[in-house]
PDB file of N, CA and C in Angstrom:
ATOM      1  N   UNK A   1      32.038  49.345 157.365  1.00  0.00           N
ATOM      2  CA  UNK A   1      30.846  50.154 157.273  1.00  0.00           C
ATOM      3  C   UNK A   1      30.695  50.962 158.564  1.00  0.00           C
ATOM      4  N   UNK A   2      30.431  52.246 158.419  1.00  0.00           N
ATOM      5  CA  UNK A   2      30.251  53.116 159.583  1.00  0.00           C
ATOM      6  C   UNK A   2      28.810  53.008 160.059  1.00  0.00           C
ATOM      7  N   UNK A   3      28.623  52.414 161.233  1.00  0.00           N
ATOM      8  CA  UNK A   3      27.264  52.272 161.746  1.00  0.00           C
ATOM      9  C   UNK A   3      27.142  52.541 163.240  1.00  0.00           C
ATOM     10  N   UNK A   4      28.184  53.099 163.858  1.00  0.00           N
ATOM     11  CA  UNK A   4      28.133  53.433 165.273  1.00  0.00           C
ATOM     12  C   UNK A   4      28.111  54.950 165.430  1.00  0.00           C
ATOM     13  N   UNK A   5      27.329  55.418 166.379  1.00  0.00           N
ATOM     14  CA  UNK A   5      27.212  56.853 166.624  1.00  0.00           C
ATOM     15  C   UNK A   5      27.706  57.180 168.031  1.00  0.00           C
ATOM     16  N   UNK A   6      28.227  58.392 168.176  1.00  0.00           N
ATOM     17  CA  UNK A   6      28.662  58.899 169.471  1.00  0.00           C
ATOM     18  C   UNK A   6      27.905  60.200 169.714  1.00  0.00           C
ATOM     19  N   UNK A   7      27.315  60.325 170.902  1.00  0.00           N
ATOM     20  CA  UNK A   7      26.620  61.550 171.272  1.00  0.00           C
ATOM     21  C   UNK A   7      27.375  62.152 172.447  1.00  0.00           C
ATOM     22  N   UNK A   8      27.946  63.356 172.247  1.00  0.00           N
ATOM     23  CA  UNK A   8      28.791  63.970 173.259  1.00  0.00           C
ATOM     24  C   UNK A   8      28.277  65.368 173.579  1.00  0.00           C
ATOM     25  N   UNK A   9      28.222  65.692 174.854  1.00  0.00           N
ATOM     26  CA  UNK A   9      27.886  67.053 175.288  1.00  0.00           C
ATOM     27  C   UNK A   9      29.195  67.780 175.565  1.00  0.00           C
ATOM     28  N   UNK A  10      29.357  68.958 174.964  1.00  0.00           N
ATOM     29  CA  UNK A  10      30.585  69.733 175.127  1.00  0.00           C
ATOM     30  C   UNK A  10      30.227  71.216 175.126  1.00  0.00           C
ATOM     31  N   UNK A  11      31.048  72.010 175.753  1.00  0.00           N
ATOM     32  CA  UNK A  11      30.849  73.453 175.786  1.00  0.00           C
ATOM     33  C   UNK A  11      30.775  73.989 174.357  1.00  0.00           C
ATOM     34  N   UNK A  12      29.784  74.815 174.076  1.00  0.00           N
ATOM     35  CA  UNK A  12      29.555  75.317 172.718  1.00  0.00           C
ATOM     36  C   UNK A  12      30.747  76.109 172.180  1.00  0.00           C
ATOM     37  N   UNK A  13      31.403  76.881 173.029  1.00  0.00           N
ATOM     38  CA  UNK A  13      32.544  77.686 172.578  1.00  0.00           C
ATOM     39  C   UNK A  13      33.737  76.794 172.221  1.00  0.00           C
ATOM     40  N   UNK A  14      33.974  75.775 173.012  1.00  0.00           N
ATOM     41  CA  UNK A  14      35.056  74.841 172.704  1.00  0.00           C
ATOM     42  C   UNK A  14      34.772  74.142 171.381  1.00  0.00           C
ATOM     43  N   UNK A  15      33.543  73.715 171.202  1.00  0.00           N
ATOM     44  CA  UNK A  15      33.151  73.043 169.957  1.00  0.00           C
ATOM     45  C   UNK A  15      33.375  73.968 168.758  1.00  0.00           C
ATOM     46  N   UNK A  16      32.944  75.205 168.872  1.00  0.00           N
ATOM     47  CA  UNK A  16      33.075  76.159 167.767  1.00  0.00           C
ATOM     48  C   UNK A  16      34.546  76.418 167.432  1.00  0.00           C
ATOM     49  N   UNK A  17      35.365  76.606 168.460  1.00  0.00           N
ATOM     50  CA  UNK A  17      36.787  76.876 168.219  1.00  0.00           C
ATOM     51  C   UNK A  17      37.466  75.669 167.569  1.00  0.00           C
ATOM     52  N   UNK A  18      37.182  74.483 168.076  1.00  0.00           N
ATOM     53  CA  UNK A  18      37.796  73.276 167.518  1.00  0.00           C
ATOM     54  C   UNK A  18      37.336  73.049 166.082  1.00  0.00           C
ATOM     55  N   UNK A  19      36.044  73.229 165.817  1.00  0.00           N
ATOM     56  CA  UNK A  19      35.533  73.018 164.466  1.00  0.00           C
ATOM     57  C   UNK A  19      36.112  74.026 163.478  1.00  0.00           C
ATOM     58  N   UNK A  20      36.350  75.253 163.928  1.00  0.00           N
ATOM     59  CA  UNK A  20      36.967  76.250 163.049  1.00  0.00           C
ATOM     60  C   UNK A  20      38.379  75.812 162.656  1.00  0.00           C
ATOM     61  N   UNK A  21      39.125  75.273 163.614  1.00  0.00           N
ATOM     62  CA  UNK A  21      40.478  74.792 163.322  1.00  0.00           C
ATOM     63  C   UNK A  21      40.419  73.588 162.391  1.00  0.00           C
ATOM     64  N   UNK A  22      39.532  72.646 162.712  1.00  0.00           N
ATOM     65  CA  UNK A  22      39.397  71.455 161.863  1.00  0.00           C
ATOM     66  C   UNK A  22      38.997  71.838 160.442  1.00  0.00           C
ATOM     67  N   UNK A  23      38.076  72.778 160.325  1.00  0.00           N
ATOM     68  CA  UNK A  23      37.651  73.231 158.999  1.00  0.00           C
ATOM     69  C   UNK A  23      38.830  73.823 158.234  1.00  0.00           C
ATOM     70  N   UNK A  24      39.668  74.557 158.932  1.00  0.00           N
ATOM     71  CA  UNK A  24      40.833  75.172 158.312  1.00  0.00           C
ATOM     72  C   UNK A  24      41.824  74.160 157.761  1.00  0.00           C
ATOM     73  N   UNK A  25      41.845  72.971 158.361  1.00  0.00           N
ATOM     74  CA  UNK A  25      42.759  71.946 157.852  1.00  0.00           C
ATOM     75  C   UNK A  25      42.016  70.878 157.051  1.00  0.00           C
ATOM     76  N   UNK A  26      40.749  71.139 156.793  1.00  0.00           N
ATOM     77  CA  UNK A  26      39.992  70.266 155.905  1.00  0.00           C
ATOM     78  C   UNK A  26      39.473  68.983 156.530  1.00  0.00           C
ATOM     79  N   UNK A  27      39.265  68.983 157.848  1.00  0.00           N
ATOM     80  CA  UNK A  27      38.756  67.798 158.524  1.00  0.00           C
ATOM     81  C   UNK A  27      37.377  68.058 159.122  1.00  0.00           C
ATOM     82  N   UNK A  28      36.519  67.074 159.002  1.00  0.00           N
ATOM     83  CA  UNK A  28      35.231  67.152 159.685  1.00  0.00           C
ATOM     84  C   UNK A  28      35.425  66.724 161.139  1.00  0.00           C
ATOM     85  N   UNK A  29      34.462  67.061 161.979  1.00  0.00           N
ATOM     86  CA  UNK A  29      34.517  66.623 163.372  1.00  0.00           C
ATOM     87  C   UNK A  29      34.532  65.101 163.434  1.00  0.00           C
ATOM     88  N   UNK A  30      33.718  64.461 162.615  1.00  0.00           N
ATOM     89  CA  UNK A  30      33.676  62.995 162.595  1.00  0.00           C
ATOM     90  C   UNK A  30      35.023  62.405 162.209  1.00  0.00           C
ATOM     91  N   UNK A  31      35.666  62.971 161.211  1.00  0.00           N
ATOM     92  CA  UNK A  31      36.977  62.475 160.791  1.00  0.00           C
ATOM     93  C   UNK A  31      37.995  62.652 161.914  1.00  0.00           C
ATOM     94  N   UNK A  32      37.959  63.791 162.601  1.00  0.00           N
ATOM     95  CA  UNK A  32      38.905  64.051 163.688  1.00  0.00           C
ATOM     96  C   UNK A  32      38.682  63.075 164.842  1.00  0.00           C
ATOM     97  N   UNK A  33      37.431  62.806 165.187  1.00  0.00           N
ATOM     98  CA  UNK A  33      37.137  61.854 166.261  1.00  0.00           C
ATOM     99  C   UNK A  33      37.599  60.459 165.845  1.00  0.00           C
ATOM    100  N   UNK A  34      37.385  60.098 164.590  1.00  0.00           N
ATOM    101  CA  UNK A  34      37.866  58.814 164.089  1.00  0.00           C
ATOM    102  C   UNK A  34      39.373  58.709 164.182  1.00  0.00           C
ATOM    103  N   UNK A  35      40.074  59.792 163.843  1.00  0.00           N
ATOM    104  CA  UNK A  35      41.533  59.800 163.948  1.00  0.00           C
ATOM    105  C   UNK A  35      41.960  59.638 165.408  1.00  0.00           C
ATOM    106  N   UNK A  36      41.288  60.342 166.312  1.00  0.00           N
ATOM    107  CA  UNK A  36      41.605  60.234 167.735  1.00  0.00           C
ATOM    108  C   UNK A  36      41.431  58.793 168.203  1.00  0.00           C
ATOM    109  N   UNK A  37      40.313  58.165 167.843  1.00  0.00           N
ATOM    110  CA  UNK A  37      40.066  56.788 168.255  1.00  0.00           C
ATOM    111  C   UNK A  37      41.123  55.836 167.694  1.00  0.00           C
ATOM    112  N   UNK A  38      41.531  56.054 166.447  1.00  0.00           N
ATOM    113  CA  UNK A  38      42.571  55.206 165.864  1.00  0.00           C
ATOM    114  C   UNK A  38      43.898  55.371 166.609  1.00  0.00           C
ATOM    115  N   UNK A  39      44.203  56.594 167.017  1.00  0.00           N
ATOM    116  CA  UNK A  39      45.423  56.840 167.781  1.00  0.00           C
ATOM    117  C   UNK A  39      45.338  56.217 169.174  1.00  0.00           C
ATOM    118  N   UNK A  40      44.163  56.241 169.782  1.00  0.00           N
ATOM    119  CA  UNK A  40      43.978  55.587 171.079  1.00  0.00           C
ATOM    120  C   UNK A  40      44.256  54.093 170.946  1.00  0.00           C
ATOM    121  N   UNK A  41      43.763  53.492 169.880  1.00  0.00           N
ATOM    122  CA  UNK A  41      44.015  52.070 169.634  1.00  0.00           C
ATOM    123  C   UNK A  41      45.505  51.832 169.415  1.00  0.00           C
ATOM    124  N   UNK A  42      46.130  52.642 168.559  1.00  0.00           N
ATOM    125  CA  UNK A  42      47.547  52.486 168.233  1.00  0.00           C
ATOM    126  C   UNK A  42      48.425  52.599 169.479  1.00  0.00           C
ATOM    127  N   UNK A  43      48.133  53.605 170.341  1.00  0.00           N
ATOM    128  CA  UNK A  43      48.937  53.863 171.534  1.00  0.00           C
ATOM    129  C   UNK A  43      48.497  53.026 172.736  1.00  0.00           C
ATOM    130  N   UNK A  44      47.358  52.344 172.583  1.00  0.00           N
ATOM    131  CA  UNK A  44      46.770  51.586 173.694  1.00  0.00           C
ATOM    132  C   UNK A  44      46.514  52.511 174.885  1.00  0.00           C
ATOM    133  N   UNK A  45      46.058  53.687 174.581  1.00  0.00           N
ATOM    134  CA  UNK A  45      45.766  54.718 175.570  1.00  0.00           C
ATOM    135  C   UNK A  45      45.686  56.057 174.856  1.00  0.00           C
ATOM    136  N   UNK A  46      45.584  57.110 175.606  1.00  0.00           N
ATOM    137  CA  UNK A  46      45.539  58.440 174.994  1.00  0.00           C
ATOM    138  C   UNK A  46      46.858  58.740 174.287  1.00  0.00           C
ATOM    139  N   UNK A  47      46.799  59.400 173.135  1.00  0.00           N
ATOM    140  CA  UNK A  47      48.031  59.679 172.384  1.00  0.00           C
ATOM    141  C   UNK A  47      48.761  60.931 172.884  1.00  0.00           C
ATOM    142  N   UNK A  48      48.493  61.315 174.115  1.00  0.00           N
ATOM    143  CA  UNK A  48      49.144  62.461 174.739  1.00  0.00           C
ATOM    144  C   UNK A  48      49.077  62.262 176.239  1.00  0.00           C
ATOM    145  N   UNK A  49      49.921  62.993 176.966  1.00  0.00           N
ATOM    146  CA  UNK A  49      49.897  62.889 178.425  1.00  0.00           C
ATOM    147  C   UNK A  49      48.635  63.540 178.957  1.00  0.00           C
ATOM    148  N   UNK A  50      48.002  62.881 179.887  1.00  0.00           N
ATOM    149  CA  UNK A  50      46.814  63.432 180.531  1.00  0.00           C
ATOM    150  C   UNK A  50      47.027  63.350 182.039  1.00  0.00           C
ATOM    151  N   UNK A  51      47.676  64.361 182.560  1.00  0.00           N
ATOM    152  CA  UNK A  51      47.919  64.403 183.996  1.00  0.00           C
ATOM    153  C   UNK A  51      47.952  65.845 184.464  1.00  0.00           C
ATOM    154  N   UNK A  52      47.814  66.029 185.737  1.00  0.00           N
ATOM    155  CA  UNK A  52      47.832  67.371 186.303  1.00  0.00           C
ATOM    156  C   UNK A  52      49.265  67.901 186.313  1.00  0.00           C
ATOM    157  N   UNK A  53      49.446  69.170 185.987  1.00  0.00           N
ATOM    158  CA  UNK A  53      50.797  69.733 186.010  1.00  0.00           C
ATOM    159  C   UNK A  53      51.300  69.887 187.444  1.00  0.00           C
ATOM    160  N   UNK A  54      52.628  69.791 187.611  1.00  0.00           N
ATOM    161  CA  UNK A  54      53.206  69.993 188.938  1.00  0.00           C
ATOM    162  C   UNK A  54      53.282  71.491 189.246  1.00  0.00           C
ATOM    163  N   UNK A  55      53.729  71.821 190.436  1.00  0.00           N
ATOM    164  CA  UNK A  55      53.766  73.223 190.875  1.00  0.00           C
ATOM    165  C   UNK A  55      54.661  74.087 189.987  1.00  0.00           C
ATOM    166  N   UNK A  56      55.795  73.542 189.566  1.00  0.00           N
ATOM    167  CA  UNK A  56      56.708  74.300 188.712  1.00  0.00           C
ATOM    168  C   UNK A  56      56.055  74.625 187.368  1.00  0.00           C
ATOM    169  N   UNK A  57      55.367  73.654 186.808  1.00  0.00           N
ATOM    170  CA  UNK A  57      54.684  73.867 185.528  1.00  0.00           C
ATOM    171  C   UNK A  57      53.552  74.873 185.692  1.00  0.00           C
ATOM    172  N   UNK A  58      52.793  74.754 186.783  1.00  0.00           N
ATOM    173  CA  UNK A  58      51.711  75.722 187.036  1.00  0.00           C
ATOM    174  C   UNK A  58      52.264  77.140 187.162  1.00  0.00           C
ATOM    175  N   UNK A  59      53.401  77.285 187.833  1.00  0.00           N
ATOM    176  CA  UNK A  59      54.026  78.608 187.960  1.00  0.00           C
ATOM    177  C   UNK A  59      54.463  79.131 186.598  1.00  0.00           C
ATOM    178  N   UNK A  60      55.037  78.263 185.769  1.00  0.00           N
ATOM    179  CA  UNK A  60      55.466  78.676 184.432  1.00  0.00           C
ATOM    180  C   UNK A  60      54.276  79.081 183.569  1.00  0.00           C
ATOM    181  N   UNK A  61      53.186  78.349 183.678  1.00  0.00           N
ATOM    182  CA  UNK A  61      51.974  78.699 182.936  1.00  0.00           C
ATOM    183  C   UNK A  61      51.475  80.065 183.388  1.00  0.00           C
ATOM    184  N   UNK A  62      51.465  80.275 184.692  1.00  0.00           N
ATOM    185  CA  UNK A  62      51.043  81.580 185.226  1.00  0.00           C
ATOM    186  C   UNK A  62      51.927  82.703 184.745  1.00  0.00           C
ATOM    187  N   UNK A  63      53.244  82.486 184.761  1.00  0.00           N
ATOM    188  CA  UNK A  63      54.181  83.504 184.273  1.00  0.00           C
ATOM    189  C   UNK A  63      53.937  83.812 182.795  1.00  0.00           C
ATOM    190  N   UNK A  64      53.717  82.779 182.005  1.00  0.00           N
ATOM    191  CA  UNK A  64      53.482  82.981 180.574  1.00  0.00           C
ATOM    192  C   UNK A  64      52.197  83.774 180.342  1.00  0.00           C
ATOM    193  N   UNK A  65      51.166  83.475 181.103  1.00  0.00           N
ATOM    194  CA  UNK A  65      49.887  84.171 180.936  1.00  0.00           C
ATOM    195  C   UNK A  65      49.957  85.630 181.353  1.00  0.00           C
ATOM    196  N   UNK A  66      50.830  85.950 182.290  1.00  0.00           N
ATOM    197  CA  UNK A  66      50.945  87.329 182.757  1.00  0.00           C
ATOM    198  C   UNK A  66      52.101  88.087 182.115  1.00  0.00           C
ATOM    199  N   UNK A  67      52.796  87.444 181.189  1.00  0.00           N
ATOM    200  CA  UNK A  67      53.875  88.121 180.481  1.00  0.00           C
ATOM    201  C   UNK A  67      55.192  88.146 181.221  1.00  0.00           C
ATOM    202  N   UNK A  68      55.317  87.393 182.302  1.00  0.00           N
ATOM    203  CA  UNK A  68      56.567  87.353 183.074  1.00  0.00           C
ATOM    204  C   UNK A  68      57.481  86.278 182.516  1.00  0.00           C
ATOM    205  N   UNK A  69      57.871  86.454 181.272  1.00  0.00           N
ATOM    206  CA  UNK A  69      58.733  85.472 180.614  1.00  0.00           C
ATOM    207  C   UNK A  69      59.946  86.165 180.018  1.00  0.00           C
ATOM    208  N   UNK A  70      61.006  85.411 179.854  1.00  0.00           N
ATOM    209  CA  UNK A  70      62.197  85.936 179.194  1.00  0.00           C
ATOM    210  C   UNK A  70      62.103  85.572 177.727  1.00  0.00           C
ATOM    211  N   UNK A  71      62.604  86.439 176.893  1.00  0.00           N
ATOM    212  CA  UNK A  71      62.528  86.206 175.453  1.00  0.00           C
ATOM    213  C   UNK A  71      63.919  86.213 174.834  1.00  0.00           C
ATOM    214  N   UNK A  72      63.978  85.667 173.656  1.00  0.00           N
ATOM    215  CA  UNK A  72      65.212  85.680 172.877  1.00  0.00           C
ATOM    216  C   UNK A  72      64.817  85.966 171.430  1.00  0.00           C
ATOM    217  N   UNK A  73      65.683  86.663 170.732  1.00  0.00           N
ATOM    218  CA  UNK A  73      65.364  87.040 169.355  1.00  0.00           C
ATOM    219  C   UNK A  73      65.594  85.897 168.364  1.00  0.00           C
ATOM    220  N   UNK A  74      66.362  84.888 168.802  1.00  0.00           N
ATOM    221  CA  UNK A  74      66.654  83.749 167.925  1.00  0.00           C
ATOM    222  C   UNK A  74      67.133  82.588 168.782  1.00  0.00           C
ATOM    223  N   UNK A  75      67.286  81.439 168.173  1.00  0.00           N
ATOM    224  CA  UNK A  75      67.816  80.276 168.886  1.00  0.00           C
ATOM    225  C   UNK A  75      69.243  80.558 169.355  1.00  0.00           C
ATOM    226  N   UNK A  76      70.036  81.200 168.502  1.00  0.00           N
ATOM    227  CA  UNK A  76      71.415  81.525 168.881  1.00  0.00           C
ATOM    228  C   UNK A  76      71.439  82.469 170.080  1.00  0.00           C
ATOM    229  N   UNK A  77      70.537  83.453 170.085  1.00  0.00           N
ATOM    230  CA  UNK A  77      70.453  84.389 171.198  1.00  0.00           C
ATOM    231  C   UNK A  77      70.059  83.650 172.476  1.00  0.00           C
ATOM    232  N   UNK A  78      69.127  82.718 172.369  1.00  0.00           N
ATOM    233  CA  UNK A  78      68.704  81.928 173.530  1.00  0.00           C
ATOM    234  C   UNK A  78      69.871  81.116 174.080  1.00  0.00           C
ATOM    235  N   UNK A  79      70.602  80.452 173.209  1.00  0.00           N
ATOM    236  CA  UNK A  79      71.743  79.645 173.638  1.00  0.00           C
ATOM    237  C   UNK A  79      72.790  80.523 174.322  1.00  0.00           C
ATOM    238  N   UNK A  80      73.054  81.691 173.769  1.00  0.00           N
ATOM    239  CA  UNK A  80      74.014  82.623 174.372  1.00  0.00           C
ATOM    240  C   UNK A  80      73.562  83.025 175.772  1.00  0.00           C
ATOM    241  N   UNK A  81      72.287  83.366 175.915  1.00  0.00           N
ATOM    242  CA  UNK A  81      71.761  83.761 177.230  1.00  0.00           C
ATOM    243  C   UNK A  81      71.850  82.612 178.225  1.00  0.00           C
ATOM    244  N   UNK A  82      71.540  81.397 177.782  1.00  0.00           N
ATOM    245  CA  UNK A  82      71.611  80.239 178.675  1.00  0.00           C
ATOM    246  C   UNK A  82      73.043  79.946 179.095  1.00  0.00           C
ATOM    247  N   UNK A  83      73.987  80.086 178.163  1.00  0.00           N
ATOM    248  CA  UNK A  83      75.400  79.869 178.505  1.00  0.00           C
ATOM    249  C   UNK A  83      75.886  80.896 179.517  1.00  0.00           C
ATOM    250  N   UNK A  84      75.482  82.151 179.334  1.00  0.00           N
ATOM    251  CA  UNK A  84      75.878  83.203 180.284  1.00  0.00           C
ATOM    252  C   UNK A  84      75.309  82.896 181.670  1.00  0.00           C
ATOM    253  N   UNK A  85      74.067  82.453 181.714  1.00  0.00           N
ATOM    254  CA  UNK A  85      73.440  82.129 182.998  1.00  0.00           C
ATOM    255  C   UNK A  85      74.157  80.943 183.647  1.00  0.00           C
ATOM    256  N   UNK A  86      74.505  79.925 182.857  1.00  0.00           N
ATOM    257  CA  UNK A  86      75.219  78.759 183.388  1.00  0.00           C
ATOM    258  C   UNK A  86      76.604  79.159 183.891  1.00  0.00           C
ATOM    259  N   UNK A  87      77.287  80.021 183.141  1.00  0.00           N
ATOM    260  CA  UNK A  87      78.620  80.475 183.585  1.00  0.00           C
ATOM    261  C   UNK A  87      78.521  81.254 184.879  1.00  0.00           C
ATOM    262  N   UNK A  88      77.531  82.095 185.012  1.00  0.00           N
ATOM    263  CA  UNK A  88      77.344  82.864 186.246  1.00  0.00           C
ATOM    264  C   UNK A  88      77.051  81.945 187.409  1.00  0.00           C
ATOM    265  N   UNK A  89      76.265  80.908 187.192  1.00  0.00           N
ATOM    266  CA  UNK A  89      75.949  79.955 188.257  1.00  0.00           C
ATOM    267  C   UNK A  89      77.195  79.192 188.693  1.00  0.00           C
ATOM    268  N   UNK A  90      78.045  78.814 187.726  1.00  0.00           N
ATOM    269  CA  UNK A  90      79.292  78.127 188.048  1.00  0.00           C
ATOM    270  C   UNK A  90      80.210  79.008 188.889  1.00  0.00           C
ATOM    271  N   UNK A  91      80.323  80.286 188.490  1.00  0.00           N
ATOM    272  CA  UNK A  91      81.184  81.222 189.241  1.00  0.00           C
ATOM    273  C   UNK A  91      80.649  81.404 190.649  1.00  0.00           C
ATOM    274  N   UNK A  92      79.333  81.516 190.784  1.00  0.00           N
ATOM    275  CA  UNK A  92      78.741  81.676 192.124  1.00  0.00           C
ATOM    276  C   UNK A  92      78.993  80.454 192.982  1.00  0.00           C
ATOM    277  N   UNK A  93      78.933  79.272 192.378  1.00  0.00           N
ATOM    278  CA  UNK A  93      79.162  78.031 193.131  1.00  0.00           C
ATOM    279  C   UNK A  93      80.609  77.920 193.591  1.00  0.00           C
ATOM    280  N   UNK A  94      81.526  78.387 192.766  1.00  0.00           N
ATOM    281  CA  UNK A  94      82.948  78.331 193.098  1.00  0.00           C
ATOM    282  C   UNK A  94      83.254  79.247 194.267  1.00  0.00           C
ATOM    283  N   UNK A  95      82.605  80.397 194.326  1.00  0.00           N
ATOM    284  CA  UNK A  95      82.878  81.400 195.362  1.00  0.00           C
ATOM    285  C   UNK A  95      82.138  81.124 196.661  1.00  0.00           C
ATOM    286  N   UNK A  96      81.402  80.061 196.734  1.00  0.00           N
ATOM    287  CA  UNK A  96      80.676  79.763 197.982  1.00  0.00           C
ATOM    288  C   UNK A  96      81.470  78.900 198.906  1.00  0.00           C
TER     289      UNK A  96
END
């Protein structure tokens, strides 16, 4: 029987955005919170990492937000670009 209540203060914009997503997948806020709590029990902690990003991650986030990222048209294109970069690094290491 459901007889416990939770009262949470949260930024109105965050609440609205989250509820719009939940509504789109057919979940109520209560159902989503219940799912989160069940996952906390299952994992014996948060079901995701909750830690501060390191400097490299912060730099990558900044680059992504400002558009300073490299792109690939497909997975095959990405693999080709990575192989070329690795080959160039190997050649540079050999010549040092």
